[in-house]
């Protein structure tokens, strides 16, 4: 399980639950869709969401992007996916570099919608200085080892 914690009691967990279509093993897209669960702790409310919103190769690409952020060789300040439910972004907030994690659609907290706030997207921030990016990338790959890419292009 990937876990990122902050000194501000904000945390993000991502766990791969399995393949969305475990019996389809011969289709590039359908064979590689993963069901994931996120658990978020945040000062305004906690939430859990489950959705098939990442593929095996997208999880691998995210790990590679996090390593590039660590080594300062990343050319992209954000990383998003085919399903627009999650986005990771590096930004400066008050001279501090932070990892922003944005949630949309199925990953959006229910309490945001139920309070009528009207967000289409909602994000949390965690200072980069509090994250061991290499460890996070390693945890992602260990999680992915249980559900490897089954069909390649």
N, C-alpha and C. Protein backbone atom coordinates (compact mmCIF):
# COMPACT_ATOMS: atom_id res chain seq x y z
N UNK A 1 0.85 -1.17 0.00
CA UNK A 1 0.00 0.00 0.00
C UNK A 1 0.90 1.24 0.00
N UNK A 2 0.57 2.18 -0.85
CA UNK A 2 1.27 3.45 -0.87
C UNK A 2 0.67 4.35 0.19
N UNK A 3 1.52 5.01 0.98
CA UNK A 3 1.01 5.91 2.01
C UNK A 3 1.90 7.13 2.09
N UNK A 4 1.27 8.31 2.08
CA UNK A 4 1.96 9.59 2.22
C UNK A 4 1.33 10.30 3.40
N UNK A 5 2.16 10.68 4.37
CA UNK A 5 1.67 11.38 5.56
C UNK A 5 2.30 12.75 5.66
N UNK A 6 1.59 13.66 6.32
CA UNK A 6 2.08 15.01 6.54
C UNK A 6 2.02 15.35 8.01
N UNK A 7 2.85 16.29 8.42
CA UNK A 7 2.84 16.74 9.81
C UNK A 7 1.55 17.49 10.15
N UNK A 8 0.78 17.86 9.13
CA UNK A 8 -0.49 18.57 9.35
C UNK A 8 -1.66 17.59 9.47
N UNK A 9 -1.37 16.32 9.71
CA UNK A 9 -2.40 15.28 9.84
C UNK A 9 -3.17 15.05 8.55
N UNK A 10 -2.57 15.39 7.43
CA UNK A 10 -3.12 15.05 6.13
C UNK A 10 -2.42 13.80 5.66
N UNK A 11 -3.19 12.85 5.13
CA UNK A 11 -2.56 11.64 4.61
C UNK A 11 -3.32 11.15 3.38
N UNK A 12 -2.59 10.41 2.54
CA UNK A 12 -3.15 9.82 1.32
C UNK A 12 -2.65 8.39 1.25
N UNK A 13 -3.59 7.46 1.08
CA UNK A 13 -3.25 6.05 0.92
C UNK A 13 -3.86 5.57 -0.39
N UNK A 14 -3.12 4.75 -1.10
CA UNK A 14 -3.61 4.14 -2.33
C UNK A 14 -3.29 2.67 -2.28
N UNK A 15 -4.31 1.85 -2.49
CA UNK A 15 -4.13 0.40 -2.49
C UNK A 15 -4.76 -0.17 -3.75
N UNK A 16 -4.03 -1.06 -4.40
CA UNK A 16 -4.59 -1.76 -5.57
C UNK A 16 -5.37 -2.96 -5.04
N UNK A 17 -6.65 -3.01 -5.39
CA UNK A 17 -7.51 -4.10 -4.92
C UNK A 17 -7.49 -5.29 -5.86
N UNK A 18 -7.22 -5.06 -7.13
CA UNK A 18 -7.20 -6.14 -8.11
C UNK A 18 -7.47 -5.61 -9.50
N UNK A 19 -7.50 -6.53 -10.45
CA UNK A 19 -7.85 -6.16 -11.82
C UNK A 19 -9.35 -5.91 -11.89
N UNK A 20 -9.75 -4.91 -12.66
CA UNK A 20 -11.18 -4.67 -12.84
C UNK A 20 -11.83 -5.86 -13.55
N UNK A 21 -11.13 -6.39 -14.53
CA UNK A 21 -11.63 -7.54 -15.30
C UNK A 21 -10.63 -8.69 -15.18
N UNK A 22 -10.67 -9.44 -14.09
CA UNK A 22 -9.65 -10.48 -13.86
C UNK A 22 -9.67 -11.59 -14.91
N UNK A 23 -10.78 -11.80 -15.58
CA UNK A 23 -10.87 -12.89 -16.55
C UNK A 23 -10.52 -12.47 -17.97
N UNK A 24 -10.32 -11.19 -18.21
CA UNK A 24 -9.92 -10.73 -19.54
C UNK A 24 -8.40 -10.60 -19.54
N UNK A 25 -7.75 -11.44 -20.31
CA UNK A 25 -6.28 -11.45 -20.29
C UNK A 25 -5.66 -11.23 -21.67
N UNK A 26 -6.48 -10.81 -22.64
CA UNK A 26 -5.95 -10.66 -24.00
C UNK A 26 -6.27 -9.31 -24.63
N UNK A 27 -6.64 -8.32 -23.83
CA UNK A 27 -6.98 -7.00 -24.35
C UNK A 27 -6.14 -5.95 -23.63
N UNK A 28 -5.41 -5.14 -24.40
CA UNK A 28 -4.47 -4.18 -23.82
C UNK A 28 -5.11 -3.34 -22.72
N UNK A 29 -6.27 -2.76 -22.98
CA UNK A 29 -6.90 -1.89 -21.98
C UNK A 29 -7.61 -2.70 -20.90
N UNK A 30 -8.54 -3.53 -21.28
CA UNK A 30 -9.36 -4.23 -20.29
C UNK A 30 -8.56 -5.17 -19.39
N UNK A 31 -7.48 -5.72 -19.91
CA UNK A 31 -6.66 -6.63 -19.10
C UNK A 31 -5.83 -5.90 -18.06
N UNK A 32 -5.63 -4.60 -18.25
CA UNK A 32 -4.73 -3.85 -17.39
C UNK A 32 -5.40 -2.82 -16.49
N UNK A 33 -6.75 -2.72 -16.53
CA UNK A 33 -7.44 -1.79 -15.63
C UNK A 33 -7.40 -2.34 -14.21
N UNK A 34 -7.11 -1.45 -13.26
CA UNK A 34 -7.02 -1.84 -11.86
C UNK A 34 -8.11 -1.17 -11.04
N UNK A 35 -8.64 -1.90 -10.10
CA UNK A 35 -9.55 -1.33 -9.11
C UNK A 35 -8.68 -0.84 -7.96
N UNK A 36 -8.83 0.43 -7.62
CA UNK A 36 -8.02 0.98 -6.54
C UNK A 36 -8.91 1.57 -5.45
N UNK A 37 -8.32 1.64 -4.28
CA UNK A 37 -9.00 2.29 -3.15
C UNK A 37 -8.08 3.38 -2.64
N UNK A 38 -8.67 4.56 -2.39
CA UNK A 38 -7.92 5.62 -1.74
C UNK A 38 -8.55 5.89 -0.38
N UNK A 39 -7.73 6.25 0.56
CA UNK A 39 -8.16 6.68 1.89
C UNK A 39 -7.45 8.00 2.15
N UNK A 40 -8.23 9.04 2.43
CA UNK A 40 -7.66 10.36 2.64
C UNK A 40 -8.07 10.88 4.01
N UNK A 41 -7.08 11.38 4.74
CA UNK A 41 -7.32 12.06 6.01
C UNK A 41 -7.04 13.53 5.74
N UNK A 42 -8.00 14.38 6.09
CA UNK A 42 -7.87 15.81 5.78
C UNK A 42 -8.62 16.60 6.85
N UNK A 43 -8.16 17.78 7.14
CA UNK A 43 -8.74 18.57 8.23
C UNK A 43 -10.23 18.85 8.05
N UNK A 44 -10.71 18.96 6.81
CA UNK A 44 -12.12 19.28 6.58
C UNK A 44 -13.00 18.04 6.44
N UNK A 45 -12.39 16.87 6.45
CA UNK A 45 -13.16 15.64 6.34
C UNK A 45 -12.34 14.53 5.73
N UNK A 46 -12.57 13.32 6.19
CA UNK A 46 -11.88 12.14 5.68
C UNK A 46 -12.79 11.42 4.69
N UNK A 47 -12.18 10.64 3.79
CA UNK A 47 -13.01 9.85 2.89
C UNK A 47 -12.24 8.67 2.31
N UNK A 48 -13.03 7.72 1.86
CA UNK A 48 -12.54 6.54 1.16
C UNK A 48 -13.30 6.46 -0.15
N UNK A 49 -12.62 6.06 -1.20
CA UNK A 49 -13.28 5.88 -2.49
C UNK A 49 -12.65 4.67 -3.18
N UNK A 50 -13.46 3.98 -3.95
CA UNK A 50 -13.01 2.83 -4.73
C UNK A 50 -13.47 3.03 -6.16
N UNK A 51 -12.55 2.83 -7.10
CA UNK A 51 -12.90 2.97 -8.51
C UNK A 51 -11.83 2.29 -9.36
N UNK A 52 -12.21 1.91 -10.54
CA UNK A 52 -11.25 1.37 -11.51
C UNK A 52 -10.76 2.53 -12.36
N UNK A 53 -9.80 3.25 -11.82
CA UNK A 53 -9.41 4.50 -12.48
C UNK A 53 -7.94 4.56 -12.87
N UNK A 54 -7.19 3.49 -12.69
CA UNK A 54 -5.80 3.45 -13.10
C UNK A 54 -5.52 2.14 -13.82
N UNK A 55 -4.53 2.18 -14.70
CA UNK A 55 -4.07 0.96 -15.36
C UNK A 55 -2.71 0.57 -14.78
N UNK A 56 -2.31 -0.64 -15.06
CA UNK A 56 -1.01 -1.12 -14.59
C UNK A 56 0.11 -0.21 -15.09
N UNK A 57 0.05 0.16 -16.36
CA UNK A 57 1.13 0.98 -16.91
C UNK A 57 1.09 2.41 -16.39
N UNK A 58 -0.08 2.91 -16.01
CA UNK A 58 -0.15 4.25 -15.42
C UNK A 58 0.46 4.28 -14.01
N UNK A 59 0.28 3.21 -13.26
CA UNK A 59 0.88 3.13 -11.93
C UNK A 59 2.40 3.12 -12.06
N UNK A 60 2.91 2.37 -13.02
CA UNK A 60 4.35 2.34 -13.29
C UNK A 60 4.86 3.72 -13.70
N UNK A 61 4.11 4.40 -14.56
CA UNK A 61 4.50 5.75 -15.01
C UNK A 61 4.49 6.74 -13.85
N UNK A 62 3.54 6.61 -12.93
CA UNK A 62 3.49 7.49 -11.76
C UNK A 62 4.73 7.27 -10.89
N UNK A 63 5.12 6.03 -10.68
CA UNK A 63 6.33 5.74 -9.89
C UNK A 63 7.56 6.37 -10.55
N UNK A 64 7.66 6.26 -11.86
CA UNK A 64 8.78 6.85 -12.60
C UNK A 64 8.76 8.37 -12.48
N UNK A 65 7.59 8.98 -12.55
CA UNK A 65 7.46 10.44 -12.42
C UNK A 65 7.90 10.89 -11.02
N UNK A 66 7.49 10.17 -9.99
CA UNK A 66 7.88 10.51 -8.62
C UNK A 66 9.40 10.44 -8.44
N UNK A 67 10.02 9.43 -9.05
CA UNK A 67 11.48 9.33 -9.00
C UNK A 67 12.14 10.52 -9.70
N UNK A 68 11.55 10.93 -10.82
CA UNK A 68 12.08 12.08 -11.56
C UNK A 68 11.90 13.37 -10.76
N UNK A 69 10.81 13.50 -10.04
CA UNK A 69 10.62 14.66 -9.17
C UNK A 69 11.70 14.67 -8.09
N UNK A 70 11.97 13.50 -7.51
CA UNK A 70 13.01 13.39 -6.49
C UNK A 70 14.38 13.83 -7.03
N UNK A 71 14.72 13.34 -8.22
CA UNK A 71 16.04 13.63 -8.78
C UNK A 71 16.07 14.96 -9.54
N UNK A 72 14.93 15.66 -9.54
CA UNK A 72 14.80 16.96 -10.22
C UNK A 72 15.05 16.86 -11.72
N UNK A 73 14.70 15.72 -12.30
CA UNK A 73 14.82 15.55 -13.75
C UNK A 73 13.46 15.50 -14.43
N UNK A 74 12.38 15.72 -13.65
CA UNK A 74 11.05 15.68 -14.25
C UNK A 74 10.85 16.87 -15.17
N UNK A 75 10.28 16.62 -16.31
CA UNK A 75 9.99 17.68 -17.27
C UNK A 75 8.55 18.15 -17.14
N UNK A 76 7.72 17.38 -16.44
CA UNK A 76 6.31 17.71 -16.27
C UNK A 76 6.04 18.04 -14.81
N UNK A 77 5.32 19.12 -14.57
CA UNK A 77 5.01 19.50 -13.18
C UNK A 77 3.79 18.77 -12.65
N UNK A 78 3.09 18.05 -13.53
CA UNK A 78 1.93 17.29 -13.06
C UNK A 78 1.85 15.96 -13.77
N UNK A 79 1.11 15.04 -13.17
CA UNK A 79 0.91 13.72 -13.75
C UNK A 79 -0.56 13.35 -13.59
N UNK A 80 -1.20 13.07 -14.73
CA UNK A 80 -2.61 12.67 -14.70
C UNK A 80 -2.77 11.40 -15.53
N UNK A 81 -4.02 10.93 -15.60
CA UNK A 81 -4.28 9.61 -16.15
C UNK A 81 -5.44 9.65 -17.14
N UNK A 82 -5.66 8.53 -17.84
CA UNK A 82 -6.76 8.44 -18.80
C UNK A 82 -8.09 8.78 -18.12
N UNK A 83 -8.36 8.13 -17.00
CA UNK A 83 -9.54 8.46 -16.20
C UNK A 83 -9.17 9.67 -15.34
N UNK A 84 -9.90 10.76 -15.45
CA UNK A 84 -9.49 11.99 -14.75
C UNK A 84 -9.89 12.04 -13.27
N UNK A 85 -9.71 10.95 -12.56
CA UNK A 85 -10.12 10.90 -11.15
C UNK A 85 -9.03 11.37 -10.20
N UNK A 86 -7.77 11.24 -10.59
CA UNK A 86 -6.64 11.65 -9.77
C UNK A 86 -5.65 12.44 -10.62
N UNK A 87 -5.01 13.40 -9.98
CA UNK A 87 -3.90 14.12 -10.62
C UNK A 87 -2.90 14.48 -9.53
N UNK A 88 -1.63 14.32 -9.84
CA UNK A 88 -0.55 14.68 -8.94
C UNK A 88 0.18 15.87 -9.55
N UNK A 89 0.51 16.85 -8.73
CA UNK A 89 1.09 18.08 -9.25
C UNK A 89 2.11 18.63 -8.24
N UNK A 90 3.20 19.14 -8.77
CA UNK A 90 4.20 19.81 -7.94
C UNK A 90 3.99 21.31 -8.10
N UNK A 91 3.83 22.00 -6.97
CA UNK A 91 3.61 23.45 -6.99
C UNK A 91 4.39 24.11 -5.86
N UNK A 92 4.53 25.41 -5.98
CA UNK A 92 5.11 26.19 -4.88
C UNK A 92 3.98 26.93 -4.21
N UNK A 93 3.88 26.74 -2.90
CA UNK A 93 2.90 27.45 -2.07
C UNK A 93 3.70 28.21 -1.02
N UNK A 94 3.66 29.52 -1.06
CA UNK A 94 4.41 30.33 -0.09
C UNK A 94 5.87 29.91 0.02
N UNK A 95 6.52 29.75 -1.11
CA UNK A 95 7.95 29.39 -1.21
C UNK A 95 8.25 27.95 -0.80
N UNK A 96 7.24 27.16 -0.54
CA UNK A 96 7.44 25.77 -0.16
C UNK A 96 6.92 24.88 -1.30
N UNK A 97 7.75 23.94 -1.72
CA UNK A 97 7.31 22.99 -2.74
C UNK A 97 6.37 21.97 -2.12
N UNK A 98 5.22 21.77 -2.76
CA UNK A 98 4.24 20.82 -2.24
C UNK A 98 3.81 19.86 -3.34
N UNK A 99 3.40 18.69 -2.90
CA UNK A 99 2.74 17.73 -3.78
C UNK A 99 1.25 17.96 -3.60
N UNK A 100 0.59 18.36 -4.67
CA UNK A 100 -0.87 18.51 -4.66
C UNK A 100 -1.44 17.22 -5.23
N UNK A 101 -2.45 16.69 -4.57
CA UNK A 101 -3.17 15.53 -5.10
C UNK A 101 -4.60 15.99 -5.30
N UNK A 102 -5.04 15.97 -6.55
CA UNK A 102 -6.39 16.41 -6.90
C UNK A 102 -7.29 15.20 -7.13
N UNK A 103 -8.53 15.36 -6.73
CA UNK A 103 -9.54 14.31 -6.83
C UNK A 103 -10.71 14.83 -7.65
N UNK A 104 -11.21 14.01 -8.54
CA UNK A 104 -12.38 14.36 -9.34
C UNK A 104 -13.28 13.13 -9.46
N UNK A 105 -14.49 13.40 -9.93
CA UNK A 105 -15.47 12.36 -10.25
C UNK A 105 -15.61 11.34 -9.13
N UNK A 106 -15.34 10.07 -9.40
CA UNK A 106 -15.57 9.01 -8.41
C UNK A 106 -14.65 9.10 -7.18
N UNK A 107 -13.54 9.82 -7.29
CA UNK A 107 -12.61 9.95 -6.18
C UNK A 107 -12.87 11.20 -5.34
N UNK A 108 -13.78 12.01 -5.77
CA UNK A 108 -14.13 13.23 -5.04
C UNK A 108 -14.82 12.86 -3.74
N UNK A 109 -14.49 13.53 -2.64
CA UNK A 109 -15.16 13.19 -1.37
C UNK A 109 -16.66 13.48 -1.44
N UNK A 110 -17.46 12.58 -0.91
CA UNK A 110 -18.92 12.75 -0.93
C UNK A 110 -19.34 13.99 -0.17
N UNK A 111 -18.62 14.34 0.91
CA UNK A 111 -19.01 15.49 1.70
C UNK A 111 -18.86 16.80 0.95
N UNK A 112 -18.01 16.83 -0.07
CA UNK A 112 -17.89 18.04 -0.89
C UNK A 112 -19.20 18.25 -1.65
N UNK A 113 -19.69 17.20 -2.26
CA UNK A 113 -20.93 17.30 -3.02
C UNK A 113 -22.13 17.53 -2.12
N UNK A 114 -22.15 16.84 -0.98
CA UNK A 114 -23.33 16.92 -0.11
C UNK A 114 -23.47 18.28 0.55
N UNK A 115 -22.39 19.03 0.67
CA UNK A 115 -22.48 20.36 1.27
C UNK A 115 -22.79 21.42 0.22
N UNK A 116 -22.97 20.97 -1.02
CA UNK A 116 -23.32 21.90 -2.08
C UNK A 116 -22.21 22.87 -2.44
N UNK A 117 -20.97 22.48 -2.15
CA UNK A 117 -19.86 23.37 -2.43
C UNK A 117 -19.68 23.53 -3.94
N UNK A 118 -20.02 22.51 -4.68
CA UNK A 118 -19.99 22.59 -6.14
C UNK A 118 -18.61 22.41 -6.77
N UNK A 119 -17.67 21.81 -6.05
CA UNK A 119 -16.36 21.56 -6.64
C UNK A 119 -16.46 20.49 -7.71
N UNK A 120 -15.76 20.71 -8.79
CA UNK A 120 -15.59 19.67 -9.78
C UNK A 120 -14.30 18.92 -9.48
N UNK A 121 -13.40 19.60 -8.78
CA UNK A 121 -12.11 19.06 -8.41
C UNK A 121 -11.79 19.55 -7.01
N UNK A 122 -11.09 18.73 -6.26
CA UNK A 122 -10.74 19.07 -4.88
C UNK A 122 -9.34 18.54 -4.63
N UNK A 123 -8.49 19.30 -3.93
CA UNK A 123 -7.12 18.85 -3.72
C UNK A 123 -6.62 18.99 -2.31
N UNK A 124 -5.62 18.18 -2.01
CA UNK A 124 -4.89 18.28 -0.74
C UNK A 124 -3.44 18.57 -1.08
N UNK A 125 -2.71 19.13 -0.12
CA UNK A 125 -1.30 19.41 -0.35
C UNK A 125 -0.46 18.85 0.78
N UNK A 126 0.71 18.34 0.39
CA UNK A 126 1.66 17.80 1.35
C UNK A 126 3.04 18.34 0.97
N UNK A 127 3.74 18.97 1.90
CA UNK A 127 5.08 19.50 1.58
C UNK A 127 6.01 18.39 1.08
N UNK A 128 6.70 18.67 -0.02
CA UNK A 128 7.62 17.69 -0.60
C UNK A 128 8.70 17.30 0.42
N UNK A 129 9.11 18.25 1.25
CA UNK A 129 10.16 17.97 2.23
C UNK A 129 9.75 16.89 3.23
N UNK A 130 8.45 16.60 3.33
CA UNK A 130 7.97 15.58 4.26
C UNK A 130 7.72 14.23 3.59
N UNK A 131 8.05 14.14 2.30
CA UNK A 131 7.77 12.91 1.55
C UNK A 131 9.08 12.28 1.08
N UNK A 132 9.24 11.00 1.33
CA UNK A 132 10.34 10.25 0.77
C UNK A 132 9.86 9.73 -0.58
N UNK A 133 10.09 10.53 -1.62
CA UNK A 133 9.55 10.20 -2.95
C UNK A 133 10.05 8.87 -3.47
N UNK A 134 11.31 8.54 -3.18
CA UNK A 134 11.83 7.25 -3.64
C UNK A 134 11.12 6.09 -2.95
N UNK A 135 10.83 6.25 -1.68
CA UNK A 135 10.10 5.22 -0.94
C UNK A 135 8.67 5.08 -1.47
N UNK A 136 8.04 6.21 -1.77
CA UNK A 136 6.68 6.18 -2.32
C UNK A 136 6.67 5.46 -3.66
N UNK A 137 7.65 5.75 -4.52
CA UNK A 137 7.75 5.06 -5.81
C UNK A 137 7.98 3.57 -5.61
N UNK A 138 8.82 3.22 -4.65
CA UNK A 138 9.09 1.81 -4.34
C UNK A 138 7.81 1.11 -3.87
N UNK A 139 7.05 1.77 -2.98
CA UNK A 139 5.79 1.20 -2.49
C UNK A 139 4.80 0.99 -3.63
N UNK A 140 4.75 1.94 -4.56
CA UNK A 140 3.86 1.78 -5.72
C UNK A 140 4.25 0.55 -6.53
N UNK A 141 5.54 0.40 -6.76
CA UNK A 141 6.00 -0.76 -7.56
C UNK A 141 5.76 -2.08 -6.82
N UNK A 142 5.94 -2.07 -5.51
CA UNK A 142 5.65 -3.29 -4.73
C UNK A 142 4.17 -3.63 -4.82
N UNK A 143 3.33 -2.62 -4.75
CA UNK A 143 1.89 -2.83 -4.88
C UNK A 143 1.57 -3.37 -6.28
N UNK A 144 2.24 -2.83 -7.27
CA UNK A 144 2.01 -3.24 -8.66
C UNK A 144 2.54 -4.65 -8.94
N UNK A 145 3.54 -5.09 -8.20
CA UNK A 145 4.08 -6.44 -8.38
C UNK A 145 2.99 -7.50 -8.23
N UNK A 146 1.99 -7.21 -7.41
CA UNK A 146 0.89 -8.17 -7.20
C UNK A 146 -0.04 -8.23 -8.41
N UNK A 147 -0.02 -7.17 -9.22
CA UNK A 147 -0.93 -7.07 -10.38
C UNK A 147 -0.14 -6.52 -11.57
N UNK A 148 0.73 -7.35 -12.15
CA UNK A 148 1.57 -6.86 -13.25
C UNK A 148 0.77 -6.63 -14.54
N UNK A 149 1.40 -5.86 -15.42
CA UNK A 149 0.79 -5.62 -16.73
C UNK A 149 0.66 -6.95 -17.45
N UNK A 150 -0.53 -7.22 -17.98
CA UNK A 150 -0.79 -8.54 -18.56
C UNK A 150 -0.75 -8.55 -20.08
N UNK A 151 -0.98 -7.42 -20.73
CA UNK A 151 -0.92 -7.34 -22.18
C UNK A 151 -0.12 -6.09 -22.53
N UNK A 152 0.81 -6.22 -23.46
CA UNK A 152 1.63 -5.10 -23.89
C UNK A 152 1.28 -4.74 -25.32
N UNK A 153 1.52 -3.52 -25.69
CA UNK A 153 1.25 -3.09 -27.08
C UNK A 153 2.28 -3.62 -28.01
